[in-house]
N, C-alpha and C. Protein backbone atom coordinates (compact mmCIF):
# COMPACT_ATOMS: atom_id res chain seq x y z
N MET A 1 -24.61 -5.87 -12.34
CA MET A 1 -23.31 -5.33 -12.75
C MET A 1 -22.21 -6.13 -12.09
N SER A 2 -21.18 -6.47 -12.86
CA SER A 2 -20.07 -7.23 -12.31
C SER A 2 -19.30 -6.39 -11.29
N VAL A 3 -18.83 -7.06 -10.26
CA VAL A 3 -18.07 -6.36 -9.22
C VAL A 3 -16.58 -6.30 -9.57
N LEU A 4 -16.20 -6.86 -10.71
CA LEU A 4 -14.79 -6.92 -11.10
C LEU A 4 -14.10 -5.55 -11.11
N PRO A 5 -14.70 -4.49 -11.69
CA PRO A 5 -14.02 -3.18 -11.67
C PRO A 5 -13.72 -2.69 -10.25
N LEU A 6 -14.65 -2.90 -9.34
CA LEU A 6 -14.45 -2.46 -7.96
C LEU A 6 -13.36 -3.30 -7.29
N VAL A 7 -13.33 -4.60 -7.59
CA VAL A 7 -12.29 -5.48 -7.04
C VAL A 7 -10.91 -5.02 -7.52
N PHE A 8 -10.81 -4.71 -8.80
CA PHE A 8 -9.53 -4.28 -9.36
C PHE A 8 -9.08 -2.96 -8.75
N THR A 9 -10.00 -2.00 -8.66
CA THR A 9 -9.65 -0.69 -8.10
C THR A 9 -9.28 -0.80 -6.63
N SER A 10 -10.04 -1.57 -5.87
CA SER A 10 -9.72 -1.74 -4.45
C SER A 10 -8.39 -2.47 -4.27
N GLY A 11 -8.08 -3.39 -5.20
CA GLY A 11 -6.79 -4.07 -5.15
C GLY A 11 -5.65 -3.11 -5.38
N TRP A 12 -5.79 -2.26 -6.39
CA TRP A 12 -4.75 -1.24 -6.64
C TRP A 12 -4.58 -0.34 -5.43
N ALA A 13 -5.69 0.12 -4.87
CA ALA A 13 -5.63 1.03 -3.72
C ALA A 13 -5.06 0.34 -2.49
N SER A 14 -5.35 -0.95 -2.32
CA SER A 14 -4.83 -1.69 -1.16
C SER A 14 -3.32 -1.80 -1.21
N GLY A 15 -2.76 -1.87 -2.40
CA GLY A 15 -1.31 -1.92 -2.52
C GLY A 15 -0.64 -0.62 -2.13
N ILE A 16 -1.40 0.46 -2.13
CA ILE A 16 -0.88 1.77 -1.72
C ILE A 16 -1.15 2.01 -0.24
N ASN A 17 -2.37 1.79 0.19
CA ASN A 17 -2.75 2.01 1.59
C ASN A 17 -3.97 1.15 1.91
N ALA A 18 -3.72 -0.06 2.37
CA ALA A 18 -4.80 -1.02 2.62
C ALA A 18 -5.74 -0.55 3.72
N TYR A 19 -5.20 0.12 4.73
CA TYR A 19 -6.03 0.55 5.85
C TYR A 19 -7.02 1.63 5.42
N ALA A 20 -6.59 2.50 4.52
CA ALA A 20 -7.49 3.54 4.01
C ALA A 20 -8.63 2.91 3.22
N VAL A 21 -8.33 1.86 2.47
CA VAL A 21 -9.36 1.19 1.68
C VAL A 21 -10.42 0.56 2.58
N VAL A 22 -9.96 -0.16 3.61
CA VAL A 22 -10.90 -0.79 4.54
C VAL A 22 -11.75 0.27 5.23
N LEU A 23 -11.11 1.34 5.66
CA LEU A 23 -11.82 2.41 6.36
C LEU A 23 -12.86 3.08 5.46
N LEU A 24 -12.47 3.39 4.22
CA LEU A 24 -13.38 4.05 3.30
C LEU A 24 -14.56 3.15 2.93
N LEU A 25 -14.26 1.90 2.59
CA LEU A 25 -15.35 0.99 2.22
C LEU A 25 -16.32 0.79 3.38
N GLY A 26 -15.77 0.66 4.59
CA GLY A 26 -16.62 0.49 5.75
C GLY A 26 -17.52 1.68 5.99
N ILE A 27 -16.97 2.87 5.82
CA ILE A 27 -17.76 4.09 6.00
C ILE A 27 -18.84 4.19 4.94
N PHE A 28 -18.49 3.86 3.68
CA PHE A 28 -19.48 3.91 2.61
C PHE A 28 -20.62 2.94 2.88
N GLY A 29 -20.28 1.77 3.42
CA GLY A 29 -21.31 0.79 3.73
C GLY A 29 -22.17 1.21 4.89
N ARG A 30 -21.54 1.74 5.94
CA ARG A 30 -22.29 2.14 7.14
C ARG A 30 -23.23 3.31 6.86
N THR A 31 -22.82 4.20 5.97
CA THR A 31 -23.64 5.37 5.67
C THR A 31 -24.67 5.11 4.58
N GLY A 32 -24.65 3.90 4.01
CA GLY A 32 -25.62 3.55 2.99
C GLY A 32 -25.32 4.09 1.62
N LEU A 33 -24.09 4.58 1.40
CA LEU A 33 -23.74 5.11 0.08
C LEU A 33 -23.53 4.00 -0.94
N SER A 34 -23.26 2.79 -0.45
CA SER A 34 -23.05 1.67 -1.37
C SER A 34 -23.62 0.39 -0.77
N ASP A 35 -24.23 -0.41 -1.64
CA ASP A 35 -24.74 -1.72 -1.22
C ASP A 35 -23.73 -2.82 -1.52
N GLU A 36 -22.57 -2.45 -2.12
CA GLU A 36 -21.58 -3.44 -2.52
C GLU A 36 -20.65 -3.84 -1.36
N VAL A 37 -20.69 -3.08 -0.28
CA VAL A 37 -19.74 -3.32 0.83
C VAL A 37 -20.30 -4.38 1.77
N PRO A 38 -19.55 -5.46 1.99
CA PRO A 38 -20.03 -6.52 2.90
C PRO A 38 -20.09 -6.05 4.34
N ALA A 39 -20.94 -6.70 5.12
CA ALA A 39 -21.16 -6.29 6.50
C ALA A 39 -19.90 -6.42 7.35
N SER A 40 -19.03 -7.37 7.00
CA SER A 40 -17.81 -7.58 7.80
C SER A 40 -16.88 -6.37 7.76
N LEU A 41 -16.93 -5.58 6.70
CA LEU A 41 -16.10 -4.39 6.61
C LEU A 41 -16.76 -3.18 7.28
N GLN A 42 -18.03 -3.34 7.66
CA GLN A 42 -18.76 -2.23 8.29
C GLN A 42 -18.76 -2.33 9.81
N ARG A 43 -18.20 -3.39 10.34
CA ARG A 43 -18.21 -3.57 11.79
C ARG A 43 -17.43 -2.47 12.49
N THR A 44 -17.91 -2.08 13.66
CA THR A 44 -17.28 -0.98 14.40
C THR A 44 -15.84 -1.31 14.78
N ASP A 45 -15.58 -2.55 15.24
CA ASP A 45 -14.22 -2.89 15.63
C ASP A 45 -13.27 -2.87 14.44
N VAL A 46 -13.75 -3.29 13.27
CA VAL A 46 -12.91 -3.26 12.07
C VAL A 46 -12.59 -1.82 11.69
N LEU A 47 -13.57 -0.94 11.77
CA LEU A 47 -13.35 0.46 11.42
C LEU A 47 -12.39 1.14 12.39
N ILE A 48 -12.49 0.81 13.68
CA ILE A 48 -11.60 1.41 14.67
C ILE A 48 -10.16 0.97 14.44
N VAL A 49 -9.96 -0.33 14.24
CA VAL A 49 -8.61 -0.85 13.99
C VAL A 49 -8.04 -0.24 12.71
N ALA A 50 -8.86 -0.18 11.66
CA ALA A 50 -8.40 0.40 10.39
C ALA A 50 -8.02 1.86 10.55
N ALA A 51 -8.80 2.60 11.34
CA ALA A 51 -8.52 4.02 11.56
C ALA A 51 -7.20 4.21 12.31
N VAL A 52 -6.98 3.40 13.34
CA VAL A 52 -5.74 3.51 14.13
C VAL A 52 -4.53 3.18 13.26
N LEU A 53 -4.63 2.09 12.50
CA LEU A 53 -3.51 1.69 11.65
C LEU A 53 -3.29 2.68 10.51
N PHE A 54 -4.38 3.28 10.03
CA PHE A 54 -4.23 4.32 9.01
C PHE A 54 -3.44 5.51 9.55
N LEU A 55 -3.74 5.91 10.79
CA LEU A 55 -3.00 7.02 11.39
C LEU A 55 -1.53 6.67 11.58
N CYS A 56 -1.26 5.42 11.98
CA CYS A 56 0.14 4.98 12.12
C CYS A 56 0.85 5.05 10.78
N GLU A 57 0.18 4.59 9.72
CA GLU A 57 0.79 4.63 8.39
C GLU A 57 0.98 6.06 7.91
N ALA A 58 0.03 6.93 8.25
CA ALA A 58 0.11 8.32 7.82
C ALA A 58 1.37 8.98 8.37
N VAL A 59 1.79 8.58 9.57
CA VAL A 59 3.01 9.13 10.17
C VAL A 59 4.25 8.44 9.60
N ALA A 60 4.27 7.09 9.64
CA ALA A 60 5.45 6.34 9.19
C ALA A 60 5.75 6.60 7.72
N ASP A 61 4.71 6.81 6.93
CA ASP A 61 4.86 6.95 5.49
C ASP A 61 5.53 8.25 5.08
N LYS A 62 5.66 9.18 6.00
CA LYS A 62 6.23 10.49 5.68
C LYS A 62 7.65 10.67 6.20
N ILE A 63 8.21 9.64 6.83
CA ILE A 63 9.55 9.72 7.40
C ILE A 63 10.52 8.94 6.53
N PRO A 64 11.57 9.60 6.00
CA PRO A 64 12.52 8.89 5.14
C PRO A 64 13.10 7.65 5.82
N TYR A 65 13.24 6.58 5.07
CA TYR A 65 13.76 5.28 5.50
C TYR A 65 12.75 4.52 6.38
N VAL A 66 12.07 5.22 7.27
CA VAL A 66 11.02 4.54 8.04
C VAL A 66 9.92 4.08 7.09
N ASP A 67 9.64 4.88 6.06
CA ASP A 67 8.61 4.48 5.09
C ASP A 67 8.99 3.20 4.36
N SER A 68 10.28 3.04 4.05
CA SER A 68 10.72 1.82 3.36
C SER A 68 10.64 0.60 4.29
N ILE A 69 10.96 0.80 5.57
CA ILE A 69 10.82 -0.29 6.53
C ILE A 69 9.36 -0.69 6.65
N TRP A 70 8.48 0.30 6.72
CA TRP A 70 7.04 0.05 6.79
C TRP A 70 6.56 -0.71 5.55
N ASP A 71 7.08 -0.30 4.38
CA ASP A 71 6.70 -0.98 3.14
C ASP A 71 7.16 -2.43 3.14
N THR A 72 8.35 -2.67 3.65
CA THR A 72 8.87 -4.04 3.71
C THR A 72 7.96 -4.93 4.56
N VAL A 73 7.55 -4.41 5.70
CA VAL A 73 6.66 -5.17 6.59
C VAL A 73 5.33 -5.45 5.89
N HIS A 74 4.87 -4.52 5.07
CA HIS A 74 3.56 -4.63 4.44
C HIS A 74 3.59 -5.33 3.08
N THR A 75 4.72 -5.92 2.74
CA THR A 75 4.78 -6.68 1.50
C THR A 75 3.81 -7.85 1.52
N VAL A 76 3.54 -8.38 2.68
CA VAL A 76 2.55 -9.45 2.83
C VAL A 76 1.18 -8.88 3.15
N VAL A 77 1.13 -7.84 3.99
CA VAL A 77 -0.14 -7.31 4.48
C VAL A 77 -0.99 -6.75 3.35
N ARG A 78 -0.41 -5.92 2.49
CA ARG A 78 -1.20 -5.25 1.45
C ARG A 78 -1.78 -6.22 0.41
N PRO A 79 -0.98 -7.14 -0.15
CA PRO A 79 -1.60 -8.10 -1.08
C PRO A 79 -2.64 -8.98 -0.40
N LEU A 80 -2.40 -9.35 0.85
CA LEU A 80 -3.39 -10.16 1.57
C LEU A 80 -4.68 -9.37 1.76
N ALA A 81 -4.54 -8.09 2.11
CA ALA A 81 -5.73 -7.24 2.28
C ALA A 81 -6.48 -7.10 0.96
N GLY A 82 -5.74 -6.90 -0.13
CA GLY A 82 -6.38 -6.80 -1.44
C GLY A 82 -7.14 -8.05 -1.81
N ALA A 83 -6.56 -9.22 -1.48
CA ALA A 83 -7.21 -10.49 -1.78
C ALA A 83 -8.47 -10.67 -0.94
N VAL A 84 -8.37 -10.37 0.35
CA VAL A 84 -9.52 -10.54 1.24
C VAL A 84 -10.65 -9.58 0.86
N ILE A 85 -10.31 -8.32 0.60
CA ILE A 85 -11.33 -7.35 0.21
C ILE A 85 -12.00 -7.78 -1.09
N GLY A 86 -11.19 -8.24 -2.05
CA GLY A 86 -11.75 -8.69 -3.32
C GLY A 86 -12.71 -9.86 -3.14
N ALA A 87 -12.32 -10.84 -2.31
CA ALA A 87 -13.17 -12.00 -2.07
C ALA A 87 -14.47 -11.59 -1.36
N LEU A 88 -14.36 -10.66 -0.40
CA LEU A 88 -15.55 -10.21 0.31
C LEU A 88 -16.50 -9.46 -0.61
N LEU A 89 -15.95 -8.62 -1.47
CA LEU A 89 -16.80 -7.89 -2.42
C LEU A 89 -17.50 -8.85 -3.37
N ALA A 90 -16.78 -9.87 -3.82
CA ALA A 90 -17.38 -10.85 -4.73
C ALA A 90 -18.47 -11.64 -4.03
N GLY A 91 -18.21 -12.01 -2.77
CA GLY A 91 -19.21 -12.75 -2.02
C GLY A 91 -20.46 -11.95 -1.77
N GLN A 92 -20.30 -10.62 -1.64
CA GLN A 92 -21.44 -9.75 -1.40
C GLN A 92 -22.33 -9.64 -2.64
N SER A 93 -21.69 -9.56 -3.82
CA SER A 93 -22.47 -9.35 -5.05
C SER A 93 -22.89 -10.65 -5.71
N GLY A 94 -22.08 -11.71 -5.54
CA GLY A 94 -22.41 -12.98 -6.17
C GLY A 94 -22.18 -13.00 -7.67
N SER A 95 -21.53 -11.95 -8.22
CA SER A 95 -21.32 -11.88 -9.66
C SER A 95 -19.95 -12.36 -10.10
N LEU A 96 -19.13 -12.75 -9.14
CA LEU A 96 -17.76 -13.19 -9.45
C LEU A 96 -17.34 -14.20 -8.40
N SER A 97 -16.61 -15.22 -8.80
CA SER A 97 -16.13 -16.22 -7.87
C SER A 97 -15.22 -15.60 -6.81
N ASP A 98 -15.36 -16.05 -5.56
CA ASP A 98 -14.53 -15.53 -4.47
C ASP A 98 -13.05 -15.75 -4.75
N ILE A 99 -12.72 -16.93 -5.26
CA ILE A 99 -11.31 -17.26 -5.52
C ILE A 99 -10.74 -16.36 -6.61
N ALA A 100 -11.51 -16.17 -7.68
CA ALA A 100 -11.05 -15.31 -8.77
C ALA A 100 -10.89 -13.87 -8.29
N ALA A 101 -11.85 -13.40 -7.51
CA ALA A 101 -11.78 -12.03 -7.01
C ALA A 101 -10.59 -11.86 -6.07
N GLY A 102 -10.35 -12.86 -5.23
CA GLY A 102 -9.20 -12.78 -4.33
C GLY A 102 -7.89 -12.75 -5.10
N ALA A 103 -7.80 -13.55 -6.16
CA ALA A 103 -6.58 -13.57 -6.97
C ALA A 103 -6.36 -12.24 -7.66
N ILE A 104 -7.43 -11.66 -8.20
CA ILE A 104 -7.32 -10.37 -8.89
C ILE A 104 -6.95 -9.26 -7.91
N GLY A 105 -7.67 -9.21 -6.79
CA GLY A 105 -7.37 -8.17 -5.80
C GLY A 105 -5.99 -8.30 -5.21
N GLY A 106 -5.57 -9.52 -4.91
CA GLY A 106 -4.26 -9.74 -4.31
C GLY A 106 -3.12 -9.45 -5.26
N SER A 107 -3.23 -9.91 -6.51
CA SER A 107 -2.15 -9.68 -7.48
C SER A 107 -2.04 -8.20 -7.85
N THR A 108 -3.20 -7.53 -7.98
CA THR A 108 -3.17 -6.10 -8.28
C THR A 108 -2.56 -5.31 -7.12
N ALA A 109 -2.90 -5.69 -5.89
CA ALA A 109 -2.33 -5.03 -4.72
C ALA A 109 -0.82 -5.26 -4.65
N LEU A 110 -0.38 -6.48 -4.97
CA LEU A 110 1.06 -6.77 -4.95
C LEU A 110 1.80 -5.91 -5.95
N ALA A 111 1.23 -5.76 -7.16
CA ALA A 111 1.88 -4.95 -8.19
C ALA A 111 1.97 -3.49 -7.77
N SER A 112 0.87 -2.94 -7.27
CA SER A 112 0.90 -1.53 -6.87
C SER A 112 1.77 -1.32 -5.63
N HIS A 113 1.83 -2.33 -4.76
CA HIS A 113 2.72 -2.25 -3.60
C HIS A 113 4.18 -2.15 -4.05
N PHE A 114 4.58 -2.95 -5.02
CA PHE A 114 5.95 -2.90 -5.52
C PHE A 114 6.25 -1.54 -6.14
N VAL A 115 5.26 -0.96 -6.82
CA VAL A 115 5.46 0.38 -7.38
C VAL A 115 5.68 1.38 -6.25
N LYS A 116 4.84 1.33 -5.23
CA LYS A 116 4.96 2.25 -4.10
C LYS A 116 6.29 2.08 -3.38
N ALA A 117 6.62 0.83 -3.03
CA ALA A 117 7.85 0.57 -2.27
C ALA A 117 9.09 0.93 -3.09
N GLY A 118 9.08 0.59 -4.38
CA GLY A 118 10.23 0.90 -5.22
C GLY A 118 10.41 2.39 -5.41
N THR A 119 9.30 3.11 -5.58
CA THR A 119 9.38 4.56 -5.74
C THR A 119 9.94 5.20 -4.47
N ARG A 120 9.51 4.70 -3.31
CA ARG A 120 10.02 5.26 -2.05
C ARG A 120 11.52 4.99 -1.89
N MET A 121 11.97 3.83 -2.31
CA MET A 121 13.41 3.56 -2.25
C MET A 121 14.18 4.57 -3.09
N ALA A 122 13.66 4.87 -4.27
CA ALA A 122 14.31 5.84 -5.14
C ALA A 122 14.30 7.23 -4.51
N ILE A 123 13.17 7.61 -3.91
CA ILE A 123 13.06 8.92 -3.27
C ILE A 123 14.02 9.03 -2.09
N ASN A 124 14.23 7.93 -1.38
CA ASN A 124 15.11 7.97 -0.20
C ASN A 124 16.58 8.11 -0.55
N THR A 125 16.92 8.06 -1.83
CA THR A 125 18.30 8.34 -2.21
C THR A 125 18.59 9.84 -2.13
N SER A 126 17.53 10.65 -2.00
CA SER A 126 17.69 12.09 -1.82
C SER A 126 17.65 12.41 -0.33
N PRO A 127 18.54 13.30 0.15
CA PRO A 127 18.61 13.58 1.59
C PRO A 127 17.45 14.38 2.15
N GLU A 128 16.71 15.10 1.30
CA GLU A 128 15.64 15.98 1.83
C GLU A 128 14.37 15.16 2.09
N PRO A 129 13.62 15.53 3.13
CA PRO A 129 12.41 14.76 3.50
C PRO A 129 11.13 15.23 2.85
N PHE A 130 11.17 16.36 2.13
CA PHE A 130 9.93 16.98 1.66
C PHE A 130 9.26 16.14 0.57
N THR A 131 10.07 15.45 -0.25
CA THR A 131 9.50 14.62 -1.31
C THR A 131 8.70 13.47 -0.71
N ASN A 132 9.19 12.91 0.39
CA ASN A 132 8.46 11.82 1.05
C ASN A 132 7.08 12.29 1.52
N VAL A 133 7.04 13.46 2.12
CA VAL A 133 5.78 14.00 2.62
C VAL A 133 4.82 14.26 1.46
N ALA A 134 5.33 14.89 0.40
CA ALA A 134 4.49 15.20 -0.75
C ALA A 134 3.97 13.93 -1.40
N MET A 135 4.82 12.93 -1.55
CA MET A 135 4.40 11.67 -2.17
C MET A 135 3.37 10.96 -1.31
N SER A 136 3.56 10.96 0.00
CA SER A 136 2.62 10.30 0.90
C SER A 136 1.24 10.96 0.82
N ILE A 137 1.22 12.28 0.84
CA ILE A 137 -0.06 13.00 0.75
C ILE A 137 -0.74 12.71 -0.59
N ALA A 138 0.05 12.72 -1.67
CA ALA A 138 -0.51 12.45 -3.00
C ALA A 138 -1.09 11.04 -3.06
N GLU A 139 -0.40 10.07 -2.47
CA GLU A 139 -0.90 8.69 -2.47
C GLU A 139 -2.20 8.58 -1.69
N ASP A 140 -2.23 9.19 -0.52
CA ASP A 140 -3.46 9.12 0.30
C ASP A 140 -4.65 9.76 -0.41
N LEU A 141 -4.40 10.92 -1.02
CA LEU A 141 -5.48 11.60 -1.74
C LEU A 141 -5.91 10.79 -2.96
N GLY A 142 -4.92 10.17 -3.64
CA GLY A 142 -5.24 9.35 -4.80
C GLY A 142 -6.09 8.15 -4.44
N VAL A 143 -5.72 7.47 -3.34
CA VAL A 143 -6.50 6.32 -2.88
C VAL A 143 -7.90 6.74 -2.49
N ALA A 144 -8.02 7.80 -1.70
CA ALA A 144 -9.33 8.26 -1.26
C ALA A 144 -10.20 8.68 -2.44
N GLY A 145 -9.61 9.42 -3.36
CA GLY A 145 -10.37 9.90 -4.51
C GLY A 145 -10.82 8.78 -5.42
N LEU A 146 -9.93 7.82 -5.70
CA LEU A 146 -10.27 6.76 -6.65
C LEU A 146 -11.25 5.75 -6.05
N VAL A 147 -11.08 5.42 -4.77
CA VAL A 147 -12.03 4.51 -4.14
C VAL A 147 -13.41 5.14 -4.06
N THR A 148 -13.47 6.44 -3.75
CA THR A 148 -14.74 7.14 -3.72
C THR A 148 -15.37 7.18 -5.11
N PHE A 149 -14.57 7.46 -6.11
CA PHE A 149 -15.05 7.50 -7.49
C PHE A 149 -15.57 6.13 -7.91
N ALA A 150 -14.89 5.06 -7.44
CA ALA A 150 -15.29 3.70 -7.81
C ALA A 150 -16.66 3.33 -7.26
N MET A 151 -17.07 3.97 -6.19
CA MET A 151 -18.40 3.69 -5.64
C MET A 151 -19.51 4.10 -6.59
N PHE A 152 -19.24 5.10 -7.43
CA PHE A 152 -20.28 5.64 -8.31
C PHE A 152 -20.00 5.34 -9.79
N ASN A 153 -18.71 5.20 -10.13
CA ASN A 153 -18.33 4.90 -11.51
C ASN A 153 -17.24 3.83 -11.52
N PRO A 154 -17.59 2.59 -11.20
CA PRO A 154 -16.58 1.53 -11.04
C PRO A 154 -15.76 1.26 -12.29
N GLU A 155 -16.40 1.27 -13.47
CA GLU A 155 -15.66 0.96 -14.70
C GLU A 155 -14.62 2.05 -15.00
N ALA A 156 -15.04 3.31 -14.89
CA ALA A 156 -14.11 4.41 -15.15
C ALA A 156 -12.98 4.41 -14.13
N ALA A 157 -13.29 4.12 -12.87
CA ALA A 157 -12.26 4.08 -11.82
C ALA A 157 -11.27 2.96 -12.09
N ALA A 158 -11.75 1.81 -12.57
CA ALA A 158 -10.87 0.69 -12.87
C ALA A 158 -9.92 1.03 -14.01
N ILE A 159 -10.42 1.76 -15.01
CA ILE A 159 -9.55 2.18 -16.12
C ILE A 159 -8.46 3.12 -15.63
N ILE A 160 -8.83 4.06 -14.76
CA ILE A 160 -7.84 4.98 -14.19
C ILE A 160 -6.80 4.21 -13.37
N ALA A 161 -7.28 3.25 -12.56
CA ALA A 161 -6.36 2.44 -11.75
C ALA A 161 -5.41 1.66 -12.63
N ALA A 162 -5.91 1.12 -13.74
CA ALA A 162 -5.06 0.36 -14.66
C ALA A 162 -3.99 1.26 -15.29
N VAL A 163 -4.39 2.47 -15.68
CA VAL A 163 -3.43 3.41 -16.26
C VAL A 163 -2.37 3.80 -15.24
N LEU A 164 -2.79 4.08 -13.99
CA LEU A 164 -1.85 4.45 -12.94
C LEU A 164 -0.89 3.30 -12.64
N LEU A 165 -1.41 2.08 -12.65
CA LEU A 165 -0.56 0.92 -12.38
C LEU A 165 0.47 0.74 -13.48
N ALA A 166 0.04 0.85 -14.72
CA ALA A 166 0.97 0.70 -15.85
C ALA A 166 2.02 1.81 -15.83
N ALA A 167 1.58 3.04 -15.55
CA ALA A 167 2.53 4.16 -15.49
C ALA A 167 3.51 3.98 -14.34
N GLY A 168 2.99 3.49 -13.20
CA GLY A 168 3.86 3.26 -12.05
C GLY A 168 4.91 2.20 -12.33
N LEU A 169 4.53 1.14 -13.00
CA LEU A 169 5.50 0.08 -13.34
C LEU A 169 6.55 0.61 -14.30
N ALA A 170 6.14 1.45 -15.26
CA ALA A 170 7.09 2.04 -16.20
C ALA A 170 8.08 2.95 -15.47
N ILE A 171 7.57 3.76 -14.53
CA ILE A 171 8.44 4.64 -13.74
C ILE A 171 9.39 3.82 -12.88
N LEU A 172 8.88 2.72 -12.35
CA LEU A 172 9.71 1.86 -11.50
C LEU A 172 10.90 1.31 -12.28
N VAL A 173 10.67 0.90 -13.51
CA VAL A 173 11.77 0.42 -14.36
C VAL A 173 12.77 1.54 -14.59
N PHE A 174 12.26 2.75 -14.83
CA PHE A 174 13.13 3.90 -15.08
C PHE A 174 13.97 4.25 -13.85
N LEU A 175 13.38 4.08 -12.66
CA LEU A 175 14.06 4.46 -11.43
C LEU A 175 14.90 3.33 -10.83
N TRP A 176 14.99 2.21 -11.53
CA TRP A 176 15.66 1.05 -10.95
C TRP A 176 17.10 1.34 -10.54
N SER A 177 17.81 2.18 -11.30
CA SER A 177 19.20 2.49 -10.96
C SER A 177 19.28 3.20 -9.61
N ARG A 178 18.33 4.10 -9.31
CA ARG A 178 18.32 4.79 -8.03
C ARG A 178 17.96 3.82 -6.90
N ILE A 179 17.07 2.89 -7.20
CA ILE A 179 16.69 1.90 -6.19
C ILE A 179 17.90 1.03 -5.84
N ARG A 180 18.64 0.60 -6.83
CA ARG A 180 19.84 -0.21 -6.58
C ARG A 180 20.86 0.57 -5.75
N ARG A 181 20.98 1.87 -6.01
CA ARG A 181 21.89 2.70 -5.24
C ARG A 181 21.45 2.75 -3.78
N PHE A 182 20.13 2.89 -3.57
CA PHE A 182 19.59 2.91 -2.20
C PHE A 182 19.90 1.60 -1.48
N LEU A 183 19.72 0.48 -2.15
CA LEU A 183 19.99 -0.82 -1.54
C LEU A 183 21.47 -0.99 -1.23
N ARG A 184 22.33 -0.51 -2.13
CA ARG A 184 23.77 -0.60 -1.87
C ARG A 184 24.17 0.24 -0.67
N ARG A 185 23.60 1.45 -0.56
CA ARG A 185 23.92 2.32 0.58
C ARG A 185 23.46 1.69 1.89
N ARG A 186 22.27 1.09 1.88
CA ARG A 186 21.77 0.46 3.10
C ARG A 186 22.64 -0.72 3.49
N ALA A 187 23.06 -1.51 2.50
CA ALA A 187 23.94 -2.65 2.79
C ALA A 187 25.30 -2.16 3.30
N GLN A 188 25.78 -1.05 2.75
CA GLN A 188 27.06 -0.50 3.18
C GLN A 188 26.98 0.01 4.62
N ARG A 189 25.87 0.66 4.98
CA ARG A 189 25.72 1.14 6.36
C ARG A 189 25.67 -0.03 7.35
N ARG A 190 24.99 -1.09 6.97
CA ARG A 190 24.93 -2.26 7.84
C ARG A 190 26.32 -2.86 8.03
N GLU A 191 27.08 -2.92 6.93
CA GLU A 191 28.42 -3.48 7.02
C GLU A 191 29.33 -2.60 7.88
N GLU A 192 29.21 -1.28 7.75
CA GLU A 192 30.01 -0.37 8.56
C GLU A 192 29.69 -0.52 10.05
N LYS A 193 28.38 -0.67 10.37
CA LYS A 193 28.00 -0.87 11.76
C LYS A 193 28.55 -2.19 12.30
N ARG A 194 28.51 -3.22 11.45
CA ARG A 194 29.01 -4.52 11.88
C ARG A 194 30.52 -4.47 12.14
N LEU A 195 31.27 -3.82 11.24
CA LEU A 195 32.72 -3.72 11.40
C LEU A 195 33.08 -2.86 12.60
N ALA A 196 32.28 -1.81 12.87
CA ALA A 196 32.56 -0.95 14.01
C ALA A 196 32.27 -1.66 15.32
N ALA A 197 31.31 -2.58 15.31
CA ALA A 197 30.94 -3.28 16.53
C ALA A 197 31.91 -4.40 16.89
N GLU A 198 32.58 -4.97 15.90
CA GLU A 198 33.47 -6.12 16.16
C GLU A 198 34.62 -5.79 17.12
N PRO A 199 35.38 -4.69 16.92
CA PRO A 199 36.46 -4.38 17.86
C PRO A 199 35.97 -4.13 19.28
N ARG A 200 34.82 -3.49 19.42
CA ARG A 200 34.28 -3.20 20.75
C ARG A 200 33.84 -4.48 21.44
N GLU A 201 33.30 -5.42 20.68
CA GLU A 201 32.91 -6.70 21.26
C GLU A 201 34.14 -7.47 21.70
N ALA A 202 35.23 -7.35 20.93
CA ALA A 202 36.44 -8.10 21.27
C ALA A 202 37.08 -7.57 22.56
N THR A 203 36.95 -6.25 22.78
CA THR A 203 37.56 -5.65 23.98
C THR A 203 36.59 -5.59 25.16
N GLY A 204 35.36 -5.97 24.91
CA GLY A 204 34.34 -5.92 25.97
C GLY A 204 33.81 -4.54 26.25
N ALA A 205 34.09 -3.59 25.34
CA ALA A 205 33.58 -2.23 25.52
C ALA A 205 32.10 -2.18 25.22
N PRO A 206 31.36 -1.29 25.88
CA PRO A 206 29.92 -1.17 25.61
C PRO A 206 29.68 -0.65 24.20
N PRO A 207 28.58 -1.03 23.58
CA PRO A 207 28.29 -0.54 22.22
C PRO A 207 28.03 0.95 22.20
N LEU A 208 28.30 1.57 21.06
CA LEU A 208 28.09 3.01 20.92
C LEU A 208 26.62 3.34 20.83
């Protein structure tokens, strides 16, 4: 069986929460639930690091504006993780070229990352924090559920991931006006801080 569906699904999930994907795949491999997981993802040190970073993301992802900063930092991390996981899965099965699998996993992760980051920017235009928490929990449950499902039904999981990705991109286009508003507000706050700091620097007063 081709590993392509699993590569695609893991790529989508990596764009949402790469650490959860590494942790789940490693656990599935260590417990013998799947033979598709390479040994490098089952290592104890990899699982420990993934678990710690997952907990960090679980906290940062639920705090307004902090989640967007976290997403910005992970613009490189998530696609890279998707590419590496895809290449490792392909190397384990031998049914797909490592380069092709890396490209598929990385590009899919990049697309889903943009959906996640853009949606969070739109949500942060609202002052209440409850939507962030609800969205973060939904994302974590979605990643866990779909990656688990992919272990037993990879083709069906890949179809679901493709539908979610397409729907997310459509929603992102719809929410673009809110995202632009969020970016303008952030730029305005930075400019206000800069203008407020200039007179104090000129007089030698300590910063506020």
